[in-house]
C-alpha cells in the first residue's frame, strides 16, 4: 500500500528511532514532498540509535 506522509511526521519518526517506525517504513511505501530531501540533508542522523 502507498501513503503520502507529512515531512514533520517523517522527521519526528526518524528522530525517535523507535522500532515501530522502522517496521512501518520497511513494509509500506511512503511518498514525501521533494523539499523534504533538502531539509533532511541539513541534519546529521548518524548519532541516532538504529
Protein backbone atom coordinates (compact mmCIF):
# COMPACT_ATOMS: atom_id res chain seq x y z
CA UNK A 1 0.00 0.00 0.00
CA UNK A 2 1.17 3.57 -0.71
CA UNK A 3 0.83 6.55 1.61
CA UNK A 4 1.63 10.24 1.48
CA UNK A 5 3.45 11.32 4.62
CA UNK A 6 3.95 14.81 6.02
CA UNK A 7 7.56 15.90 6.44
CA UNK A 8 7.07 16.69 10.14
CA UNK A 9 5.83 13.15 10.77
CA UNK A 10 8.77 11.68 8.89
CA UNK A 11 11.28 13.86 10.72
CA UNK A 12 9.92 13.10 14.18
CA UNK A 13 9.85 9.37 13.43
CA UNK A 14 13.49 9.47 12.32
CA UNK A 15 14.48 11.34 15.47
CA UNK A 16 12.63 8.95 17.77
CA UNK A 17 14.42 5.84 16.45
CA UNK A 18 11.53 3.61 17.55
CA UNK A 19 11.30 0.09 16.14
CA UNK A 20 7.66 0.69 15.22
CA UNK A 21 8.64 3.30 12.63
CA UNK A 22 11.36 1.10 11.17
CA UNK A 23 8.79 -1.63 10.72
CA UNK A 24 6.31 0.70 9.04
CA UNK A 25 8.90 2.19 6.69
CA UNK A 26 10.16 -1.22 5.64
CA UNK A 27 6.72 -2.69 4.90
CA UNK A 28 4.91 0.20 3.21
CA UNK A 29 5.66 2.75 0.52
CA UNK A 30 5.60 6.40 1.53
CA UNK A 31 5.67 9.50 -0.64
CA UNK A 32 7.02 12.79 0.63
CA UNK A 33 7.38 16.25 -0.97
CA UNK A 34 10.61 16.92 -2.87
CA UNK A 35 11.69 19.62 -0.44
CA UNK A 36 11.84 17.00 2.34
CA UNK A 37 15.09 15.62 0.92
CA UNK A 38 16.66 19.08 1.01
CA UNK A 39 15.54 19.54 4.60
CA UNK A 40 16.80 16.09 5.66
CA UNK A 41 20.26 16.83 4.26
CA UNK A 42 20.62 19.65 6.80
CA UNK A 43 20.74 17.20 9.71
CA UNK A 44 23.25 14.60 10.87
CA UNK A 45 21.36 11.41 11.64
CA UNK A 46 24.49 9.36 12.33
CA UNK A 47 24.08 9.96 16.08
CA UNK A 48 20.60 8.45 16.17
CA UNK A 49 20.25 4.92 17.55
CA UNK A 50 19.42 2.28 14.95
